[in-house]
PDB file of all heavy atoms in Angstrom:
ATOM      1  N   LEU A   1       0.849  -1.171   0.075  1.00  0.00           N
ATOM      2  CA  LEU A   1      -0.016  -0.071   0.022  1.00  0.00           C
ATOM      3  C   LEU A   1       0.906   1.167  -0.015  1.00  0.00           C
ATOM      4  O   LEU A   1       2.057   1.106   0.219  1.00  0.00           O
ATOM      5  CB  LEU A   1      -0.960  -0.003   1.222  1.00  0.00           C
ATOM      6  CG  LEU A   1      -0.404  -0.212   2.652  1.00  0.00           C
ATOM      7  CD1 LEU A   1       0.143   1.162   3.249  1.00  0.00           C
ATOM      8  CD2 LEU A   1      -1.356  -0.748   3.540  1.00  0.00           C
ATOM      9  N   ILE A   2       0.234   2.408  -0.259  1.00  0.00           N
ATOM     10  CA  ILE A   2       0.924   3.665  -0.259  1.00  0.00           C
ATOM     11  C   ILE A   2       0.165   4.599   0.821  1.00  0.00           C
ATOM     12  O   ILE A   2      -1.076   4.692   0.655  1.00  0.00           O
ATOM     13  CB  ILE A   2       1.024   4.289  -1.583  1.00  0.00           C
ATOM     14  CG1 ILE A   2       1.898   3.474  -2.506  1.00  0.00           C
ATOM     15  CG2 ILE A   2       1.486   5.725  -1.541  1.00  0.00           C
ATOM     16  CD1 ILE A   2       2.066   3.852  -3.921  1.00  0.00           C
ATOM     17  N   LYS A   3       0.854   5.222   1.613  1.00  0.00           N
ATOM     18  CA  LYS A   3       0.251   6.033   2.654  1.00  0.00           C
ATOM     19  C   LYS A   3       0.869   7.449   2.604  1.00  0.00           C
ATOM     20  O   LYS A   3       1.998   7.678   2.220  1.00  0.00           O
ATOM     21  CB  LYS A   3       0.536   5.425   4.039  1.00  0.00           C
ATOM     22  CG  LYS A   3       1.881   5.462   4.561  1.00  0.00           C
ATOM     23  CD  LYS A   3       1.948   5.067   6.010  1.00  0.00           C
ATOM     24  CE  LYS A   3       3.364   5.243   6.538  1.00  0.00           C
ATOM     25  NZ  LYS A   3       3.818   6.741   6.548  1.00  0.00           N
ATOM     26  N   THR A   4       0.086   8.424   3.207  1.00  0.00           N
ATOM     27  CA  THR A   4       0.538   9.802   3.435  1.00  0.00           C
ATOM     28  C   THR A   4       1.185  10.017   4.709  1.00  0.00           C
ATOM     29  O   THR A   4       1.219   9.025   5.630  1.00  0.00           O
ATOM     30  CB  THR A   4      -0.693  10.735   3.308  1.00  0.00           C
ATOM     31  OG1 THR A   4      -1.383  10.514   4.408  1.00  0.00           O
ATOM     32  CG2 THR A   4      -1.533  10.457   2.020  1.00  0.00           C
ATOM     33  N   PRO A   5       1.716  11.161   4.973  1.00  0.00           N
ATOM     34  CA  PRO A   5       2.249  11.395   6.392  1.00  0.00           C
ATOM     35  C   PRO A   5       1.331  11.242   7.518  1.00  0.00           C
ATOM     36  O   PRO A   5       1.661  11.054   8.621  1.00  0.00           O
ATOM     37  CB  PRO A   5       2.861  12.891   6.270  1.00  0.00           C
ATOM     38  CG  PRO A   5       3.045  13.037   4.831  1.00  0.00           C
ATOM     39  CD  PRO A   5       1.947  12.242   4.168  1.00  0.00           C
ATOM     40  N   THR A   6      -0.029  11.523   7.271  1.00  0.00           N
ATOM     41  CA  THR A   6      -1.023  11.365   8.208  1.00  0.00           C
ATOM     42  C   THR A   6      -1.558   9.981   8.136  1.00  0.00           C
ATOM     43  O   THR A   6      -2.646   9.678   8.773  1.00  0.00           O
ATOM     44  CB  THR A   6      -2.199  12.376   8.033  1.00  0.00           C
ATOM     45  OG1 THR A   6      -2.660  12.442   6.680  1.00  0.00           O
ATOM     46  CG2 THR A   6      -1.629  13.846   8.377  1.00  0.00           C
ATOM     47  N   TRP A   7      -0.944   9.095   7.595  1.00  0.00           N
ATOM     48  CA  TRP A   7      -1.169   7.645   7.384  1.00  0.00           C
ATOM     49  C   TRP A   7      -2.589   7.299   6.834  1.00  0.00           C
ATOM     50  O   TRP A   7      -3.299   6.346   7.178  1.00  0.00           O
ATOM     51  CB  TRP A   7      -1.095   7.003   8.828  1.00  0.00           C
ATOM     52  CG  TRP A   7       0.381   6.949   9.276  1.00  0.00           C
ATOM     53  CD1 TRP A   7       1.226   7.945   9.350  1.00  0.00           C
ATOM     54  CD2 TRP A   7       1.173   5.889   9.689  1.00  0.00           C
ATOM     55  NE1 TRP A   7       2.454   7.547   9.810  1.00  0.00           N
ATOM     56  CE2 TRP A   7       2.412   6.222  10.033  1.00  0.00           C
ATOM     57  CE3 TRP A   7       0.755   4.476   9.835  1.00  0.00           C
ATOM     58  CZ2 TRP A   7       3.472   5.361  10.322  1.00  0.00           C
ATOM     59  CZ3 TRP A   7       1.794   3.594  10.164  1.00  0.00           C
ATOM     60  CH2 TRP A   7       3.044   3.988  10.482  1.00  0.00           C
ATOM     61  N   ASP A   8      -2.979   8.100   5.851  1.00  0.00           N
ATOM     62  CA  ASP A   8      -4.148   7.815   5.126  1.00  0.00           C
ATOM     63  C   ASP A   8      -3.614   6.953   3.951  1.00  0.00           C
ATOM     64  O   ASP A   8      -2.660   7.222   3.260  1.00  0.00           O
ATOM     65  CB  ASP A   8      -4.680   9.115   4.416  1.00  0.00           C
ATOM     66  CG  ASP A   8      -5.320   9.998   5.502  1.00  0.00           C
ATOM     67  OD1 ASP A   8      -6.188   9.545   6.268  1.00  0.00           O
ATOM     68  OD2 ASP A   8      -5.132  11.174   5.525  1.00  0.00           O
ATOM     69  N   VAL A   9      -4.388   5.836   3.780  1.00  0.00           N
ATOM     70  CA  VAL A   9      -3.997   4.875   2.640  1.00  0.00           C
ATOM     71  C   VAL A   9      -4.567   5.358   1.314  1.00  0.00           C
ATOM     72  O   VAL A   9      -5.858   5.489   1.309  1.00  0.00           O
ATOM     73  CB  VAL A   9      -4.416   3.570   2.972  1.00  0.00           C
ATOM     74  CG1 VAL A   9      -4.187   2.533   1.741  1.00  0.00           C
ATOM     75  CG2 VAL A   9      -3.805   2.955   4.284  1.00  0.00           C
ATOM     76  N   VAL A  10      -3.721   5.680   0.306  1.00  0.00           N
ATOM     77  CA  VAL A  10      -4.316   6.179  -0.863  1.00  0.00           C
ATOM     78  C   VAL A  10      -4.239   5.248  -2.117  1.00  0.00           C
ATOM     79  O   VAL A  10      -4.761   5.504  -3.204  1.00  0.00           O
ATOM     80  CB  VAL A  10      -3.560   7.598  -1.212  1.00  0.00           C
ATOM     81  CG1 VAL A  10      -3.909   8.628  -0.133  1.00  0.00           C
ATOM     82  CG2 VAL A  10      -2.030   7.273  -1.394  1.00  0.00           C
ATOM     83  N   ALA A  11      -3.496   4.100  -1.942  1.00  0.00           N
ATOM     84  CA  ALA A  11      -3.414   2.977  -3.047  1.00  0.00           C
ATOM     85  C   ALA A  11      -3.125   1.735  -2.294  1.00  0.00           C
ATOM     86  O   ALA A  11      -2.392   1.744  -1.338  1.00  0.00           O
ATOM     87  CB  ALA A  11      -2.451   3.538  -4.086  1.00  0.00           C
ATOM     88  N   TRP A  12      -3.441   0.652  -2.957  1.00  0.00           N
ATOM     89  CA  TRP A  12      -3.258  -0.676  -2.305  1.00  0.00           C
ATOM     90  C   TRP A  12      -3.420  -1.658  -3.577  1.00  0.00           C
ATOM     91  O   TRP A  12      -3.934  -1.390  -4.586  1.00  0.00           O
ATOM     92  CB  TRP A  12      -4.277  -0.901  -1.286  1.00  0.00           C
ATOM     93  CG  TRP A  12      -5.708  -0.800  -1.645  1.00  0.00           C
ATOM     94  CD1 TRP A  12      -6.468  -1.804  -2.269  1.00  0.00           C
ATOM     95  CD2 TRP A  12      -6.453   0.437  -1.650  1.00  0.00           C
ATOM     96  NE1 TRP A  12      -7.739  -1.173  -2.431  1.00  0.00           N
ATOM     97  CE2 TRP A  12      -7.718   0.086  -2.232  1.00  0.00           C
ATOM     98  CE3 TRP A  12      -6.155   1.748  -1.335  1.00  0.00           C
ATOM     99  CZ2 TRP A  12      -8.657   1.131  -2.192  1.00  0.00           C
ATOM    100  CZ3 TRP A  12      -7.093   2.670  -1.422  1.00  0.00           C
ATOM    101  CH2 TRP A  12      -8.365   2.342  -1.899  1.00  0.00           C
ATOM    102  N   ASN A  13      -2.929  -2.846  -3.320  1.00  0.00           N
ATOM    103  CA  ASN A  13      -3.153  -3.962  -4.289  1.00  0.00           C
ATOM    104  C   ASN A  13      -4.162  -4.954  -3.731  1.00  0.00           C
ATOM    105  O   ASN A  13      -4.627  -4.818  -2.687  1.00  0.00           O
ATOM    106  CB  ASN A  13      -1.769  -4.642  -4.737  1.00  0.00           C
ATOM    107  CG  ASN A  13      -1.092  -5.278  -3.569  1.00  0.00           C
ATOM    108  OD1 ASN A  13      -1.668  -5.463  -2.384  1.00  0.00           O
ATOM    109  ND2 ASN A  13       0.142  -5.758  -3.759  1.00  0.00           N
ATOM    110  N   ARG A  14      -4.456  -5.928  -4.596  1.00  0.00           N
ATOM    111  CA  ARG A  14      -5.454  -6.979  -4.218  1.00  0.00           C
ATOM    112  C   ARG A  14      -5.104  -7.751  -3.016  1.00  0.00           C
ATOM    113  O   ARG A  14      -5.789  -8.167  -2.143  1.00  0.00           O
ATOM    114  CB  ARG A  14      -5.816  -7.827  -5.459  1.00  0.00           C
ATOM    115  CG  ARG A  14      -6.836  -8.894  -5.069  1.00  0.00           C
ATOM    116  CD  ARG A  14      -7.304  -9.652  -6.376  1.00  0.00           C
ATOM    117  NE  ARG A  14      -8.290 -10.687  -6.111  1.00  0.00           N
ATOM    118  CZ  ARG A  14      -7.862 -11.923  -5.850  1.00  0.00           C
ATOM    119  NH1 ARG A  14      -6.725 -12.358  -6.038  1.00  0.00           N
ATOM    120  NH2 ARG A  14      -8.849 -12.841  -5.651  1.00  0.00           N
ATOM    121  N   ALA A  15      -3.770  -8.071  -2.898  1.00  0.00           N
ATOM    122  CA  ALA A  15      -3.317  -8.838  -1.750  1.00  0.00           C
ATOM    123  C   ALA A  15      -3.589  -8.088  -0.479  1.00  0.00           C
ATOM    124  O   ALA A  15      -4.010  -8.599   0.569  1.00  0.00           O
ATOM    125  CB  ALA A  15      -1.801  -9.082  -1.843  1.00  0.00           C
ATOM    126  N   ALA A  16      -3.461  -6.701  -0.408  1.00  0.00           N
ATOM    127  CA  ALA A  16      -3.638  -5.883   0.626  1.00  0.00           C
ATOM    128  C   ALA A  16      -5.166  -5.930   1.058  1.00  0.00           C
ATOM    129  O   ALA A  16      -5.539  -5.946   2.120  1.00  0.00           O
ATOM    130  CB  ALA A  16      -3.160  -4.430   0.506  1.00  0.00           C
ATOM    131  N   THR A  17      -5.964  -5.873  -0.022  1.00  0.00           N
ATOM    132  CA  THR A  17      -7.431  -5.959   0.188  1.00  0.00           C
ATOM    133  C   THR A  17      -7.868  -7.203   0.963  1.00  0.00           C
ATOM    134  O   THR A  17      -8.686  -7.145   1.863  1.00  0.00           O
ATOM    135  CB  THR A  17      -8.153  -5.854  -1.159  1.00  0.00           C
ATOM    136  OG1 THR A  17      -7.891  -4.569  -1.757  1.00  0.00           O
ATOM    137  CG2 THR A  17      -9.712  -6.162  -0.988  1.00  0.00           C
ATOM    138  N   LEU A  18      -7.210  -8.398   0.501  1.00  0.00           N
ATOM    139  CA  LEU A  18      -7.696  -9.635   1.127  1.00  0.00           C
ATOM    140  C   LEU A  18      -7.026 -10.002   2.498  1.00  0.00           C
ATOM    141  O   LEU A  18      -7.606 -10.621   3.283  1.00  0.00           O
ATOM    142  CB  LEU A  18      -7.356 -10.765   0.110  1.00  0.00           C
ATOM    143  CG  LEU A  18      -8.164 -10.688  -1.165  1.00  0.00           C
ATOM    144  CD1 LEU A  18      -7.770 -11.819  -2.095  1.00  0.00           C
ATOM    145  CD2 LEU A  18      -9.600 -10.791  -0.940  1.00  0.00           C
ATOM    146  N   VAL A  19      -5.772  -9.418   2.648  1.00  0.00           N
ATOM    147  CA  VAL A  19      -5.002  -9.748   3.920  1.00  0.00           C
ATOM    148  C   VAL A  19      -5.145  -8.581   4.975  1.00  0.00           C
ATOM    149  O   VAL A  19      -5.408  -8.969   6.099  1.00  0.00           O
ATOM    150  CB  VAL A  19      -3.544  -9.942   3.541  1.00  0.00           C
ATOM    151  CG1 VAL A  19      -2.855 -10.026   4.802  1.00  0.00           C
ATOM    152  CG2 VAL A  19      -3.423 -11.155   2.564  1.00  0.00           C
ATOM    153  N   LEU A  20      -5.125  -7.341   4.542  1.00  0.00           N
ATOM    154  CA  LEU A  20      -5.216  -6.325   5.515  1.00  0.00           C
ATOM    155  C   LEU A  20      -6.515  -5.724   5.715  1.00  0.00           C
ATOM    156  O   LEU A  20      -7.066  -5.673   6.908  1.00  0.00           O
ATOM    157  CB  LEU A  20      -4.259  -5.199   5.102  1.00  0.00           C
ATOM    158  CG  LEU A  20      -2.713  -5.651   5.002  1.00  0.00           C
ATOM    159  CD1 LEU A  20      -1.763  -4.527   4.435  1.00  0.00           C
ATOM    160  CD2 LEU A  20      -2.117  -6.216   6.294  1.00  0.00           C
ATOM    161  N   ALA A  21      -7.129  -5.091   4.786  1.00  0.00           N
ATOM    162  CA  ALA A  21      -8.461  -4.546   4.809  1.00  0.00           C
ATOM    163  C   ALA A  21      -8.944  -4.190   3.381  1.00  0.00           C
ATOM    164  O   ALA A  21      -8.118  -3.982   2.444  1.00  0.00           O
ATOM    165  CB  ALA A  21      -8.368  -3.159   5.575  1.00  0.00           C
ATOM    166  N   ASP A  22     -10.238  -4.222   3.232  1.00  0.00           N
ATOM    167  CA  ASP A  22     -10.833  -3.889   1.890  1.00  0.00           C
ATOM    168  C   ASP A  22     -10.972  -2.440   1.894  1.00  0.00           C
ATOM    169  O   ASP A  22     -12.092  -1.911   2.086  1.00  0.00           O
ATOM    170  CB  ASP A  22     -12.135  -4.658   1.638  1.00  0.00           C
ATOM    171  CG  ASP A  22     -12.610  -4.449   0.313  1.00  0.00           C
ATOM    172  OD1 ASP A  22     -12.114  -3.642  -0.421  1.00  0.00           O
ATOM    173  OD2 ASP A  22     -13.626  -5.168  -0.175  1.00  0.00           O
ATOM    174  N   TYR A  23      -9.907  -1.655   1.510  1.00  0.00           N
ATOM    175  CA  TYR A  23     -10.018  -0.283   1.585  1.00  0.00           C
ATOM    176  C   TYR A  23     -10.933   0.322   0.590  1.00  0.00           C
ATOM    177  O   TYR A  23     -11.503   1.390   0.767  1.00  0.00           O
ATOM    178  CB  TYR A  23      -8.575   0.297   1.305  1.00  0.00           C
ATOM    179  CG  TYR A  23      -7.523  -0.082   2.430  1.00  0.00           C
ATOM    180  CD1 TYR A  23      -6.568  -0.991   2.173  1.00  0.00           C
ATOM    181  CD2 TYR A  23      -7.563   0.736   3.573  1.00  0.00           C
ATOM    182  CE1 TYR A  23      -5.671  -1.215   3.243  1.00  0.00           C
ATOM    183  CE2 TYR A  23      -6.617   0.366   4.609  1.00  0.00           C
ATOM    184  CZ  TYR A  23      -5.693  -0.555   4.399  1.00  0.00           C
ATOM    185  OH  TYR A  23      -4.798  -0.866   5.421  1.00  0.00           O
ATOM    186  N   GLY A  24     -11.177  -0.369  -0.463  1.00  0.00           N
ATOM    187  CA  GLY A  24     -12.035   0.196  -1.424  1.00  0.00           C
ATOM    188  C   GLY A  24     -13.601   0.225  -0.952  1.00  0.00           C
ATOM    189  O   GLY A  24     -14.385   0.940  -1.419  1.00  0.00           O
TER     190      GLY A  24
END
C-alpha cells in the first residue's frame, strides 16, 4: 500500500485488500 504522512492509505493492491483490509 501507499500512505501519506497522516497515514491515510491512498493506494493498495489486491493482496492488501484480502489480507489487511478492503480499503475500497
